[in-house]
Protein backbone atom coordinates (compact mmCIF):
# COMPACT_ATOMS: atom_id res chain seq x y z
CA MET A 1 -3.40 32.00 -2.50
CA THR A 2 -6.66 31.47 -4.22
CA ASP A 3 -10.33 31.04 -2.65
CA ARG A 4 -10.37 28.85 0.67
CA ARG A 5 -11.34 25.21 0.00
CA THR A 6 -13.64 23.47 2.54
CA GLY A 7 -12.92 20.04 3.78
CA HIS A 8 -9.71 18.52 4.90
CA VAL A 9 -6.18 17.89 3.48
CA ILE A 10 -5.05 14.37 3.04
CA LEU A 11 -2.15 13.29 5.36
CA GLY A 12 0.02 10.51 4.21
CA ILE A 13 3.42 9.02 5.35
CA ASN A 14 5.89 7.57 2.98
CA ALA A 15 7.67 5.15 5.29
CA LEU A 16 11.12 4.90 3.91
CA VAL A 17 11.91 2.18 6.17
CA LEU A 18 14.17 4.43 8.60
CA GLY A 19 13.92 7.80 6.98
CA TYR A 20 14.96 9.40 3.75
CA LEU A 21 18.25 10.20 4.82
CA PRO A 22 21.19 7.71 4.77
CA ALA A 23 22.11 8.63 8.22
CA ALA A 24 18.71 7.70 9.76
CA TRP A 25 20.02 4.26 11.03
CA GLN A 26 22.41 6.31 13.27
CA SER A 27 19.43 7.26 15.58
CA PRO A 28 19.66 6.27 18.99
CA LEU A 29 16.17 5.07 19.01
CA LEU A 30 16.76 2.41 16.13
CA GLY A 31 18.43 -0.85 16.42
CA LYS A 32 20.56 -2.61 13.90
CA ASP A 33 17.88 -4.86 12.98
CA SER A 34 14.73 -2.30 13.16
CA PHE A 35 13.82 -2.77 9.58
CA VAL A 36 12.94 -6.69 10.27
CA ASP A 37 11.36 -5.88 13.88
CA PRO A 38 8.05 -6.57 14.06
CA ALA A 39 7.69 -3.88 16.66
CA TYR A 40 9.14 -1.05 15.02
CA TRP A 41 6.63 -1.64 12.26
CA GLU A 42 4.02 -1.89 14.56
CA THR A 43 5.11 1.26 16.38
CA ILE A 44 5.11 3.13 12.74
CA GLY A 45 1.51 2.02 12.32
CA ARG A 46 0.23 3.17 15.65
CA THR A 47 1.99 6.25 15.61
CA ALA A 48 0.42 7.20 12.54
CA GLU A 49 -3.07 6.17 13.61
CA ARG A 50 -2.69 8.14 16.63
CA GLY A 51 -2.46 11.17 14.62
CA THR A 52 -5.52 10.25 12.47
CA LEU A 53 -3.44 10.13 9.38
CA ASP A 54 -4.81 8.84 6.07
CA VAL A 55 -2.32 6.29 4.89
CA VAL A 56 1.38 4.92 5.11
CA PHE A 57 2.87 4.02 1.94
CA LEU A 58 6.13 1.64 1.49
CA ALA A 59 7.96 1.97 -1.22
CA ASP A 60 9.54 -0.86 -2.84
CA ALA A 61 11.76 -2.43 -5.68
CA PRO A 62 12.42 -6.07 -6.18
CA VAL A 63 16.15 -5.71 -6.10
CA LEU A 64 18.64 -5.05 -3.58
CA GLY A 65 19.53 -0.94 -3.46
CA ASP A 66 22.76 0.64 -4.10
CA PRO A 67 23.69 2.40 -1.07
CA ALA A 68 25.57 4.87 -3.06
CA HIS A 69 22.06 6.72 -3.71
CA ASP A 70 19.64 4.80 -1.70
CA ALA A 71 19.35 5.54 1.79
CA ASN A 72 17.29 2.32 2.38
CA PRO A 73 18.70 -0.30 0.15
CA ILE A 74 17.29 -3.37 2.06
CA ARG A 75 13.44 -3.69 2.54
CA LEU A 76 10.94 -6.31 3.41
CA GLU A 77 8.21 -7.13 1.28
CA PRO A 78 5.36 -4.61 1.35
CA THR A 79 2.44 -6.55 1.49
CA VAL A 80 3.62 -9.01 4.35
CA THR A 81 4.88 -6.11 6.30
CA TRP A 82 1.66 -4.02 6.09
CA GLY A 83 -0.47 -7.41 6.80
CA HIS A 84 1.56 -7.43 10.18
CA VAL A 85 0.40 -3.77 10.61
CA ALA A 86 -2.83 -4.16 9.73
CA ALA A 87 -3.42 -6.53 12.81
CA ALA A 88 -2.03 -3.78 15.07
CA THR A 89 -4.20 -0.93 13.65
CA GLN A 90 -7.71 -0.42 13.17
CA ARG A 91 -8.26 2.85 10.84
CA ILE A 92 -5.06 3.73 9.13
CA GLY A 93 -4.91 3.33 5.51
CA LEU A 94 -1.74 0.81 4.19
CA VAL A 95 -0.30 1.38 0.61
CA ALA A 96 2.21 -1.62 -0.92
CA THR A 97 4.07 -0.62 -3.94
CA ALA A 98 4.14 -3.69 -6.65
CA SER A 99 5.53 -3.73 -10.01
CA THR A 100 3.41 -4.53 -13.02
CA THR A 101 6.45 -5.63 -14.90
CA PHE A 102 7.71 -8.34 -12.32
CA ASN A 103 4.34 -9.82 -11.34
CA ASP A 104 1.63 -11.87 -12.62
CA PRO A 105 -2.03 -10.24 -12.73
CA PHE A 106 -3.89 -13.17 -11.41
CA GLU A 107 -1.55 -13.59 -8.29
CA LEU A 108 -1.26 -9.81 -7.50
CA ALA A 109 -4.95 -9.36 -7.97
CA GLU A 110 -5.68 -12.11 -5.38
CA ARG A 111 -2.69 -11.32 -2.97
CA LEU A 112 -3.73 -7.73 -2.84
CA LEU A 113 -7.57 -8.23 -2.31
CA SER A 114 -6.85 -10.94 0.32
CA TRP A 115 -4.87 -8.50 2.19
CA ASP A 116 -7.50 -5.76 1.63
CA HIS A 117 -10.37 -8.08 2.76
CA LEU A 118 -8.18 -9.07 6.12
CA SER A 119 -7.19 -5.40 6.85
CA GLY A 120 -10.83 -4.22 6.72
CA GLY A 121 -10.73 -2.52 3.48
CA ARG A 122 -7.49 -0.22 4.20
CA ALA A 123 -5.27 -1.79 1.36
CA GLY A 124 -3.90 0.23 -1.55
CA TRP A 125 -1.62 -0.69 -4.53
CA ASN A 126 0.91 1.90 -5.56
CA ILE A 127 1.45 0.94 -9.35
CA VAL A 128 4.84 0.98 -10.53
CA THR A 129 6.58 -0.44 -13.65
CA THR A 130 10.09 -0.59 -12.15
CA ARG A 131 13.33 0.53 -13.74
CA GLY A 132 16.84 -0.83 -13.83
CA ALA A 133 18.71 -3.55 -15.27
CA ASP A 134 19.65 -5.13 -11.54
CA ALA A 135 15.89 -5.55 -10.94
CA ALA A 136 15.39 -7.35 -14.38
CA ARG A 137 18.00 -9.66 -13.91
CA ASN A 138 16.57 -11.03 -10.46
CA PHE A 139 14.03 -12.49 -12.80
CA GLY A 140 16.31 -14.15 -15.55
CA LEU A 141 15.93 -10.77 -17.93
CA PRO A 142 19.02 -8.90 -19.18
CA ASP A 143 17.25 -5.70 -18.90
CA VAL A 144 13.70 -4.17 -18.24
CA PRO A 145 11.73 -3.50 -21.36
CA LEU A 146 11.64 0.16 -22.91
CA ARG A 147 9.73 3.07 -20.98
CA ASP A 148 6.56 2.68 -23.31
CA ASP A 149 6.57 -0.85 -23.41
CA ARG A 150 6.54 -1.15 -19.53
CA TYR A 151 3.68 1.17 -19.58
CA ASP A 152 1.64 -0.69 -22.13
CA ARG A 153 1.92 -3.69 -20.01
CA ALA A 154 1.04 -1.70 -17.12
CA ALA A 155 -2.20 -0.65 -18.69
CA GLU A 156 -3.43 -3.97 -19.56
CA PHE A 157 -2.17 -5.52 -16.42
CA VAL A 158 -4.12 -3.15 -14.11
CA ASP A 159 -7.31 -3.80 -16.64
CA VAL A 160 -6.95 -7.46 -16.03
CA VAL A 161 -6.64 -7.12 -12.20
CA ARG A 162 -9.54 -4.54 -12.03
CA ALA A 163 -11.55 -7.06 -14.18
CA LEU A 164 -10.72 -9.88 -11.62
CA TRP A 165 -11.77 -8.05 -8.70
CA ASP A 166 -15.09 -7.20 -10.60
CA SER A 167 -15.37 -10.83 -10.67
CA ALA A 168 -14.82 -11.10 -6.95
CA ALA A 169 -18.05 -9.22 -6.64
CA THR A 170 -20.01 -10.72 -9.54
CA GLY A 171 -19.11 -14.45 -9.37
CA ALA A 172 -18.62 -14.19 -13.16
CA ASP A 173 -15.69 -15.54 -14.90
CA ILE A 174 -13.65 -13.10 -16.96
CA ARG A 175 -12.21 -13.54 -20.55
CA HIS A 176 -9.58 -11.30 -21.17
CA HIS A 177 -7.52 -11.96 -24.73
CA GLY A 178 -5.38 -8.77 -25.12
CA ASP A 179 -1.90 -8.15 -26.64
CA LEU A 180 0.13 -9.24 -23.57
CA PHE A 181 -2.34 -11.29 -21.41
CA GLN A 182 -4.58 -14.45 -21.99
CA LEU A 183 -6.76 -15.21 -18.70
CA GLU A 184 -10.27 -16.66 -18.25
CA GLY A 185 -11.24 -16.95 -14.79
CA ARG A 186 -12.24 -15.55 -11.68
CA LEU A 187 -10.89 -14.87 -8.08
CA ARG A 188 -11.57 -17.05 -5.04
CA VAL A 189 -11.46 -14.09 -2.70
CA PRO A 190 -14.53 -12.17 -1.77
CA PRO A 191 -14.88 -8.28 -1.98
CA SER A 192 -13.36 -6.64 1.01
CA ARG A 193 -15.08 -4.05 3.08
CA GLN A 194 -14.26 -1.01 0.38
CA GLY A 195 -14.93 -3.44 -2.71
CA ARG A 196 -11.22 -3.59 -3.53
CA PRO A 197 -7.89 -1.83 -2.91
CA VAL A 198 -7.26 1.78 -3.98
CA LEU A 199 -5.17 2.26 -6.91
CA LEU A 200 -2.25 4.78 -6.79
CA GLN A 201 0.33 5.64 -9.28
CA ALA A 202 3.65 7.33 -8.99
CA GLY A 203 5.10 7.72 -12.54
CA GLY A 204 5.81 10.99 -14.01
CA SER A 205 6.21 10.28 -17.80
CA PRO A 206 3.32 11.25 -20.24
CA LYS A 207 2.05 7.42 -20.14
CA GLY A 208 2.32 7.35 -16.55
CA ARG A 209 -0.18 10.41 -16.22
CA GLU A 210 -2.38 8.75 -18.62
CA LEU A 211 -2.61 5.62 -16.77
CA ALA A 212 -3.20 7.90 -13.40
CA GLY A 213 -5.86 9.79 -15.13
CA ARG A 214 -7.89 6.63 -16.30
CA VAL A 215 -7.56 4.40 -13.30
CA ALA A 216 -5.70 6.02 -10.23
CA GLU A 217 -7.58 7.27 -7.14
CA GLY A 218 -4.32 8.92 -5.72
CA VAL A 219 -0.91 10.12 -7.38
CA PHE A 220 2.34 10.20 -5.47
CA ALA A 221 3.75 13.18 -7.34
CA ALA A 222 7.10 14.86 -7.40
CA GLU A 223 6.91 18.62 -7.14
CA LEU A 224 9.58 21.15 -6.20
CA THR A 225 7.48 24.46 -6.84
CA LYS A 226 4.09 25.49 -6.03
CA ASP A 227 3.76 26.54 -9.90
CA LYS A 228 4.57 23.39 -11.43
CA ALA A 229 2.66 21.48 -8.58
CA ILE A 230 -0.50 23.50 -9.76
CA GLU A 231 0.02 22.67 -13.53
CA HIS A 232 0.45 19.10 -12.58
CA TYR A 233 -2.80 19.13 -10.63
CA ARG A 234 -4.81 20.58 -13.30
CA LEU A 235 -3.29 18.37 -16.11
CA VAL A 236 -4.13 15.09 -13.92
CA LYS A 237 -7.56 16.49 -13.27
CA ARG A 238 -8.15 17.24 -16.88
CA LEU A 239 -7.17 13.73 -17.81
CA ALA A 240 -9.60 12.29 -15.49
CA ARG A 241 -12.17 14.18 -16.75
CA GLY A 242 -11.42 13.07 -20.16
CA ASN A 243 -11.87 9.62 -19.11
CA GLY A 244 -15.29 10.15 -18.03
CA ARG A 245 -14.31 10.18 -14.20
CA SER A 246 -14.74 13.21 -11.54
CA PRO A 247 -11.85 15.12 -10.95
CA ASP A 248 -12.68 14.32 -7.23
CA ASP A 249 -11.95 10.39 -8.16
CA VAL A 250 -8.16 11.21 -8.13
CA LYS A 251 -6.00 12.78 -5.34
CA ILE A 252 -2.74 14.41 -5.89
CA LEU A 253 -0.02 13.80 -3.11
CA PRO A 254 3.45 15.00 -3.56
CA GLY A 255 6.16 13.81 -1.35
CA LEU A 256 7.73 16.42 0.97
CA LEU A 257 11.19 15.59 2.79
CA LEU A 258 10.88 16.98 6.37
CA SER A 259 13.51 17.98 8.96
CA LEU A 260 11.36 19.48 11.72
CA GLY A 261 12.31 21.30 14.93
CA SER A 262 10.93 23.31 17.65
CA THR A 263 12.71 26.41 16.09
CA GLU A 264 13.74 26.78 12.60
CA GLU A 265 17.41 27.04 13.80
CA GLU A 266 16.80 23.61 15.71
CA ALA A 267 15.53 22.08 12.29
CA ARG A 268 18.41 23.40 10.51
CA ARG A 269 20.89 21.96 12.67
CA ARG A 270 19.27 18.81 12.66
CA ASN A 271 19.11 18.69 8.93
CA ASP A 272 22.86 19.82 8.58
CA GLU A 273 23.92 17.14 11.22
CA LEU A 274 22.01 14.35 9.58
CA HIS A 275 23.53 14.99 6.15
CA ASP A 276 26.90 15.51 7.48
CA ALA A 277 26.69 12.16 9.18
CA GLY A 278 26.13 10.32 5.86
CA PRO A 279 28.39 9.31 2.96
CA ALA A 280 30.23 12.38 1.67
CA ALA A 281 29.39 11.55 -2.08
CA TYR A 282 25.62 10.56 -1.71
CA SER A 283 24.19 13.50 -2.90
CA VAL A 284 26.26 13.37 -5.81
CA GLN A 285 25.75 9.88 -6.60
CA TRP A 286 21.81 10.43 -5.97
CA LEU A 287 21.93 13.24 -8.67
CA SER A 288 24.04 11.16 -10.94
CA GLN A 289 21.07 8.53 -11.12
CA SER A 290 18.27 11.09 -11.17
CA ILE A 291 19.54 12.90 -14.13
CA GLY A 292 21.21 10.23 -15.97
CA TYR A 293 24.72 11.98 -16.07
CA ASP A 294 27.69 11.49 -13.78
CA ALA A 295 27.37 14.58 -11.59
CA SER A 296 30.85 13.93 -10.21
CA LYS A 297 32.52 14.94 -13.66
CA LEU A 298 30.69 18.30 -13.56
CA GLU A 299 32.93 21.57 -12.32
CA LEU A 300 31.53 22.46 -8.82
CA ASP A 301 31.77 26.10 -9.24
CA GLU A 302 30.21 26.03 -12.88
CA PRO A 303 26.61 26.18 -13.73
CA PHE A 304 25.23 23.01 -15.21
CA PRO A 305 25.74 22.69 -18.79
CA GLU A 306 22.96 22.88 -21.27
CA GLU A 307 23.61 19.28 -22.45
CA VAL A 308 23.03 18.18 -19.03
CA LEU A 309 19.88 19.73 -18.71
CA ALA A 310 18.36 18.57 -22.13
CA ALA A 311 16.21 16.05 -22.29
CA PRO A 312 17.86 12.36 -22.28
CA ALA A 313 18.91 11.21 -25.44
CA ASP A 314 16.60 8.20 -25.65
CA PRO A 315 13.83 8.73 -22.90
CA GLN A 316 12.87 5.09 -23.55
CA THR A 317 16.07 3.72 -22.05
CA PHE A 318 16.71 6.29 -19.25
CA GLN A 319 17.01 4.35 -16.17
CA GLY A 320 15.95 7.38 -13.69
CA SER A 321 12.55 8.67 -12.85
CA MET A 322 11.17 10.88 -15.47
CA GLY A 323 9.33 12.74 -12.73
CA PHE A 324 12.15 13.34 -10.60
CA ARG A 325 14.24 14.60 -13.56
CA GLU A 326 11.74 16.82 -14.57
CA SER A 327 11.37 18.50 -11.37
CA ILE A 328 15.09 18.87 -10.44
CA VAL A 329 15.82 20.14 -14.10
CA ALA A 330 13.12 22.78 -13.62
CA GLN A 331 14.51 23.80 -10.38
CA ILE A 332 18.16 24.13 -11.85
CA ARG A 333 16.70 26.39 -14.77
CA ARG A 334 14.57 28.48 -12.55
CA THR A 335 17.51 29.33 -10.21
CA ASN A 336 20.77 28.80 -12.36
CA PRO A 337 23.02 27.62 -9.44
CA THR A 338 26.64 26.42 -9.59
CA VAL A 339 26.63 22.55 -9.16
CA ARG A 340 28.06 23.13 -5.74
CA GLU A 341 25.41 25.57 -5.02
CA TYR A 342 22.57 23.16 -6.10
CA LEU A 343 23.84 20.46 -3.88
CA ARG A 344 23.95 22.42 -0.87
CA GLN A 345 20.24 23.85 -1.61
CA THR A 346 19.16 20.22 -1.91
CA ARG A 347 19.62 19.75 1.74
CA SER A 348 16.83 22.13 2.64
CA THR A 349 14.73 22.23 -0.74
CA GLY A 350 14.74 18.38 -1.44
CA SER A 351 15.82 17.07 -5.07
CA GLY A 352 13.06 15.38 -6.82
CA HIS A 353 10.62 15.79 -4.10
CA ALA A 354 10.72 19.02 -2.49
CA GLY A 355 12.00 19.47 1.04
CA PHE A 356 11.01 21.36 4.04
CA VAL A 357 13.16 22.38 7.04
CA GLY A 358 11.42 24.35 9.81
CA THR A 359 9.03 23.82 12.74
CA PRO A 360 5.80 22.30 12.80
CA GLU A 361 3.93 25.79 12.65
CA GLN A 362 5.92 26.67 9.57
CA LEU A 363 4.89 23.39 7.98
CA ALA A 364 1.12 23.79 8.67
CA ASP A 365 1.65 27.26 6.70
CA HIS A 366 3.23 25.46 3.81
CA ILE A 367 0.65 22.65 3.62
CA GLU A 368 -2.05 25.49 3.83
CA ASP A 369 -0.73 27.63 1.07
CA TRP A 370 -0.26 24.78 -1.30
CA PHE A 371 -3.87 23.56 -0.66
CA HIS A 372 -5.88 26.53 -0.90
CA SER A 373 -3.73 27.43 -4.11
CA GLY A 374 -4.92 24.16 -5.60
CA ALA A 375 -1.67 22.61 -5.95
CA ILE A 376 -2.38 19.57 -3.80
CA ASP A 377 -5.13 17.33 -2.25
CA GLY A 378 -2.60 16.42 0.43
CA PHE A 379 1.00 15.47 0.75
CA ASN A 380 3.15 12.41 1.54
CA LEU A 381 5.49 13.62 4.12
CA GLN A 382 8.92 11.72 4.22
CA PRO A 383 10.85 12.36 7.58
CA ASP A 384 14.39 12.30 7.72
CA VAL A 385 14.35 9.81 10.49
CA LEU A 386 10.80 7.93 10.92
CA ALA A 387 11.37 6.71 14.41
CA ASP A 388 10.71 10.27 15.78
CA GLY A 389 9.76 12.50 13.01
CA LEU A 390 6.51 10.52 12.66
CA ALA A 391 5.83 11.44 16.40
CA VAL A 392 6.24 15.20 15.61
CA ILE A 393 3.86 14.88 12.62
CA ALA A 394 1.29 13.05 14.67
CA ASP A 395 1.43 14.90 17.95
CA GLU A 396 2.49 18.58 17.00
CA LEU A 397 1.52 19.18 13.35
CA VAL A 398 -1.81 17.49 13.24
CA PRO A 399 -3.16 19.50 16.28
CA ILE A 400 -1.97 22.96 14.37
CA LEU A 401 -3.93 21.88 11.19
CA ARG A 402 -6.99 20.97 13.25
CA ARG A 403 -7.06 24.43 15.16
CA ARG A 404 -6.71 25.94 11.46
CA GLY A 405 -9.79 23.72 10.01
CA LEU A 406 -7.51 21.76 7.67
CA TYR A 407 -7.90 18.40 9.50
CA ARG A 408 -10.50 16.31 10.85
CA HIS A 409 -10.26 15.61 15.01
CA GLU A 410 -11.41 11.93 14.70
CA TYR A 411 -11.42 9.43 11.66
CA GLN A 412 -14.82 9.85 9.81
CA THR A 413 -14.72 6.61 7.97
CA ASP A 414 -13.08 3.01 8.37
CA THR A 415 -11.60 2.19 4.95
CA LEU A 416 -8.86 3.76 2.92
CA ARG A 417 -11.34 4.89 0.00
CA GLY A 418 -13.58 6.07 2.70
CA HIS A 419 -10.82 8.47 3.98
CA PHE A 420 -10.00 9.67 0.26
CA ARG A 421 -13.45 10.49 -0.53
CA ALA A 422 -14.31 12.23 2.85
CA ALA A 423 -11.22 14.91 2.05
CA ALA A 424 -11.68 18.13 0.46
CA ALA A 425 -13.10 18.47 -3.13
CA THR A 426 -11.15 19.73 -6.06
CA PRO A 427 -11.42 23.52 -6.25
CA ASP A 428 -13.48 24.91 -9.34
CA SER A 429 -10.34 26.35 -10.74
CA ALA A 430 -8.77 22.85 -11.63
């Protein structure tokens, strides 16, 4: 652990509808229609706010998910969902995912700023480019563009959106004539309490990281080990400096999959029971889509072949997340497990995002270690079952962090951007 940092860690929740595990829907705390029940989403927002958490994320893809490897294949549109939650809360930040590949910059800029205005300046946009032919077909296209082409569009798309948000403040028309977008005009919506929505980014490819260094105020990262997290943390902070920004302008928030219990034994039992209650082939199917290779064809009691771990033959057409794949391959190379051993390990160590199984006290130890080591500015916590896992975070984890001086006792700010700026500064080592 390096020198202790002053200030508080950022705590977010990645609200994967019901939870990150496919058996989450079986919780007795949930009804068959919880994911479309306004009261369910109000409870999520209010519980997060009770714990004075900074932000709740809502992932999204414009396509019906495949339950073979997607624990929550059915989702409501994020800005509509969070618009409802904003009316039931006062301080919690709310981040919606929206694609630059399948949206129009003017319409999205106006929608997000309208929502930001009505929420009192608590909105954020998680910028994604979307992958997969199924999503493309919903928009009349045979497939998504190549990865670099998607990020070229994303870069210009974000520039247009930011210019439109500036126009809300200045009243001046924008005149954008770029390679992909031609636009003249300005928004009808006034600036919000925080000026405009906070920008976040989740891609792990080189162009995704370049975009993060240039414009993002938060990065939803995928990190399995502390050493790799430190490396990525410093990379993005350097990219921010290279774009004339302060490293404090961009906060690094890896995902962390959680199963918590009052004892470590109880947490492991909960984790095992939830995994056992899910589809037997789920882990294999998830791994297959994550690494771009049919894992069901691998010998369970043999190590992963080198050709599986090698970089995709064509990264431009790879349909998975490059960040997830990079983290998974690094983990496999470090421990050299058999396929069976790796699938068993992912129950507790995670796959793509890191996993944690233990008590709230042990989780506080983990957060404190990574925070003071300069690996994170905070975590995006992902409970196995959101209905009760979130309450444990708010009512048990947060008080422990407060006692250690790692978290505030009350909200100090009213906007999402204010929450981020009030958090700890980047350590000098980064």
